Amino acid sequence: MGKKKDIQQVEAVAREFNMNESERRDFGDFIEEEKAAGNGGIKNERGDFTYQELQQKAREFLGII
């Protein structure tokens, strides 16, 4: 069974922004914290992020807004 599509998108964005493995894990935690804080995305009722939203969150996470 493959990875969930949302995880695949997080990994794709992490690669796009040249994150190392540690940054990738921290980025995943950051995304979950954003959702828990009510700052989720518009993709669905769970607050998942669209690919474009993940790109913006990566910029925030890396401080390159």
N, C-alpha and C. Protein backbone atom coordinates (compact mmCIF):
# COMPACT_ATOMS: atom_id res chain seq x y z
N MET A 1 0.84 -1.18 0.00
CA MET A 1 0.00 0.00 0.00
C MET A 1 0.88 1.24 0.00
N GLY A 2 0.55 2.23 -0.80
CA GLY A 2 1.34 3.45 -0.91
C GLY A 2 1.06 4.41 0.23
N LYS A 3 1.86 5.44 0.28
CA LYS A 3 1.67 6.46 1.31
C LYS A 3 0.45 7.29 0.98
N LYS A 4 -0.15 7.84 2.02
CA LYS A 4 -1.30 8.68 1.81
C LYS A 4 -0.91 9.88 0.95
N LYS A 5 -1.86 10.33 0.15
CA LYS A 5 -1.58 11.42 -0.79
C LYS A 5 -1.12 12.69 -0.07
N ASP A 6 -1.69 12.99 1.11
CA ASP A 6 -1.27 14.21 1.81
C ASP A 6 0.18 14.11 2.26
N ILE A 7 0.61 12.93 2.69
CA ILE A 7 2.01 12.76 3.09
C ILE A 7 2.91 12.87 1.88
N GLN A 8 2.47 12.31 0.75
CA GLN A 8 3.25 12.41 -0.48
C GLN A 8 3.43 13.87 -0.87
N GLN A 9 2.40 14.67 -0.69
CA GLN A 9 2.51 16.09 -1.04
C GLN A 9 3.46 16.81 -0.10
N VAL A 10 3.42 16.51 1.18
CA VAL A 10 4.36 17.12 2.13
C VAL A 10 5.78 16.76 1.73
N GLU A 11 6.00 15.51 1.38
CA GLU A 11 7.34 15.08 0.98
C GLU A 11 7.77 15.75 -0.32
N ALA A 12 6.86 15.93 -1.26
CA ALA A 12 7.19 16.60 -2.53
C ALA A 12 7.58 18.05 -2.28
N VAL A 13 6.84 18.73 -1.41
CA VAL A 13 7.17 20.13 -1.09
C VAL A 13 8.51 20.19 -0.37
N ALA A 14 8.77 19.26 0.53
CA ALA A 14 10.05 19.23 1.24
C ALA A 14 11.20 19.07 0.24
N ARG A 15 11.03 18.20 -0.75
CA ARG A 15 12.06 18.05 -1.79
C ARG A 15 12.22 19.33 -2.60
N GLU A 16 11.09 19.94 -2.94
CA GLU A 16 11.11 21.17 -3.72
C GLU A 16 11.92 22.26 -3.02
N PHE A 17 11.82 22.29 -1.69
CA PHE A 17 12.52 23.30 -0.90
C PHE A 17 13.84 22.79 -0.34
N ASN A 18 14.30 21.66 -0.86
CA ASN A 18 15.61 21.09 -0.49
C ASN A 18 15.78 20.88 1.01
N MET A 19 14.74 20.41 1.68
CA MET A 19 14.83 20.14 3.12
C MET A 19 15.56 18.82 3.32
N ASN A 20 16.39 18.80 4.36
CA ASN A 20 17.03 17.54 4.73
C ASN A 20 16.03 16.70 5.54
N GLU A 21 16.41 15.50 5.91
CA GLU A 21 15.48 14.58 6.58
C GLU A 21 14.96 15.15 7.91
N SER A 22 15.82 15.80 8.66
CA SER A 22 15.42 16.40 9.93
C SER A 22 14.42 17.54 9.71
N GLU A 23 14.72 18.39 8.73
CA GLU A 23 13.80 19.48 8.41
C GLU A 23 12.47 18.93 7.92
N ARG A 24 12.50 17.85 7.16
CA ARG A 24 11.27 17.24 6.64
C ARG A 24 10.38 16.77 7.78
N ARG A 25 10.99 16.11 8.78
CA ARG A 25 10.21 15.66 9.93
C ARG A 25 9.64 16.86 10.70
N ASP A 26 10.48 17.87 10.90
CA ASP A 26 10.03 19.06 11.61
C ASP A 26 8.93 19.80 10.84
N PHE A 27 9.04 19.81 9.51
CA PHE A 27 8.02 20.43 8.67
C PHE A 27 6.69 19.69 8.82
N GLY A 28 6.73 18.37 8.85
CA GLY A 28 5.52 17.58 9.07
C GLY A 28 4.89 17.90 10.41
N ASP A 29 5.72 18.03 11.45
CA ASP A 29 5.21 18.40 12.77
C ASP A 29 4.60 19.80 12.73
N PHE A 30 5.27 20.71 12.04
CA PHE A 30 4.77 22.09 11.89
C PHE A 30 3.38 22.10 11.23
N ILE A 31 3.23 21.29 10.19
CA ILE A 31 1.94 21.22 9.49
C ILE A 31 0.85 20.71 10.44
N GLU A 32 1.16 19.67 11.21
CA GLU A 32 0.17 19.13 12.15
C GLU A 32 -0.16 20.14 13.24
N GLU A 33 0.84 20.88 13.71
CA GLU A 33 0.60 21.92 14.72
C GLU A 33 -0.28 23.03 14.17
N GLU A 34 -0.05 23.41 12.93
CA GLU A 34 -0.87 24.45 12.30
C GLU A 34 -2.34 23.99 12.24
N LYS A 35 -2.55 22.74 11.84
CA LYS A 35 -3.91 22.22 11.77
C LYS A 35 -4.55 22.18 13.15
N ALA A 36 -3.80 21.74 14.17
CA ALA A 36 -4.32 21.65 15.53
C ALA A 36 -4.66 23.03 16.09
N ALA A 37 -3.93 24.06 15.65
CA ALA A 37 -4.15 25.42 16.13
C ALA A 37 -5.28 26.12 15.38
N GLY A 38 -5.92 25.40 14.46
CA GLY A 38 -7.01 25.99 13.71
C GLY A 38 -6.57 26.72 12.46
N ASN A 39 -5.32 26.53 12.07
CA ASN A 39 -4.78 27.19 10.88
C ASN A 39 -4.67 26.23 9.71
N GLY A 40 -5.65 25.35 9.60
CA GLY A 40 -5.62 24.34 8.56
C GLY A 40 -5.92 24.90 7.19
N GLY A 41 -5.79 24.03 6.22
CA GLY A 41 -6.01 24.41 4.84
C GLY A 41 -7.45 24.25 4.40
N ILE A 42 -7.66 24.49 3.12
CA ILE A 42 -9.01 24.50 2.56
C ILE A 42 -9.33 23.24 1.75
N LYS A 43 -8.41 22.28 1.72
CA LYS A 43 -8.57 21.11 0.86
C LYS A 43 -9.79 20.26 1.24
N ASN A 44 -10.05 20.12 2.54
CA ASN A 44 -11.17 19.30 2.99
C ASN A 44 -11.56 19.69 4.41
N GLU A 45 -12.55 18.99 4.95
CA GLU A 45 -13.05 19.33 6.29
C GLU A 45 -12.05 19.01 7.40
N ARG A 46 -11.05 18.17 7.12
CA ARG A 46 -10.02 17.86 8.12
C ARG A 46 -8.99 18.98 8.23
N GLY A 47 -9.02 19.92 7.30
CA GLY A 47 -8.06 21.01 7.33
C GLY A 47 -6.77 20.71 6.60
N ASP A 48 -6.80 19.69 5.73
CA ASP A 48 -5.60 19.41 4.95
C ASP A 48 -5.32 20.58 4.02
N PHE A 49 -4.05 20.70 3.65
CA PHE A 49 -3.61 21.81 2.82
C PHE A 49 -3.55 21.41 1.34
N THR A 50 -3.84 22.37 0.47
CA THR A 50 -3.60 22.16 -0.95
C THR A 50 -2.09 22.23 -1.18
N TYR A 51 -1.66 21.80 -2.36
CA TYR A 51 -0.23 21.84 -2.67
C TYR A 51 0.31 23.27 -2.57
N GLN A 52 -0.45 24.23 -3.08
CA GLN A 52 -0.03 25.63 -3.02
C GLN A 52 0.06 26.12 -1.58
N GLU A 53 -0.89 25.69 -0.76
CA GLU A 53 -0.84 26.08 0.66
C GLU A 53 0.38 25.46 1.33
N LEU A 54 0.71 24.22 0.98
CA LEU A 54 1.90 23.58 1.56
C LEU A 54 3.17 24.33 1.15
N GLN A 55 3.20 24.81 -0.08
CA GLN A 55 4.36 25.59 -0.52
C GLN A 55 4.49 26.86 0.33
N GLN A 56 3.37 27.53 0.60
CA GLN A 56 3.40 28.73 1.43
C GLN A 56 3.81 28.38 2.86
N LYS A 57 3.30 27.27 3.40
CA LYS A 57 3.69 26.85 4.75
C LYS A 57 5.17 26.52 4.81
N ALA A 58 5.72 25.96 3.73
CA ALA A 58 7.15 25.67 3.70
C ALA A 58 7.95 26.96 3.77
N ARG A 59 7.49 27.99 3.06
CA ARG A 59 8.17 29.29 3.13
C ARG A 59 8.13 29.84 4.55
N GLU A 60 6.97 29.73 5.19
CA GLU A 60 6.85 30.18 6.58
C GLU A 60 7.79 29.39 7.49
N PHE A 61 7.76 28.08 7.34
CA PHE A 61 8.58 27.19 8.17
C PHE A 61 10.07 27.51 8.01
N LEU A 62 10.48 27.79 6.79
CA LEU A 62 11.90 28.05 6.53
C LEU A 62 12.28 29.52 6.70
N GLY A 63 11.29 30.36 6.98
CA GLY A 63 11.57 31.78 7.18
C GLY A 63 11.89 32.53 5.90
N ILE A 64 11.31 32.10 4.79
CA ILE A 64 11.57 32.77 3.50
C ILE A 64 10.28 33.33 2.91
N ILE A 65 9.48 33.91 3.76
CA ILE A 65 8.16 34.41 3.35
C ILE A 65 8.33 35.49 2.35
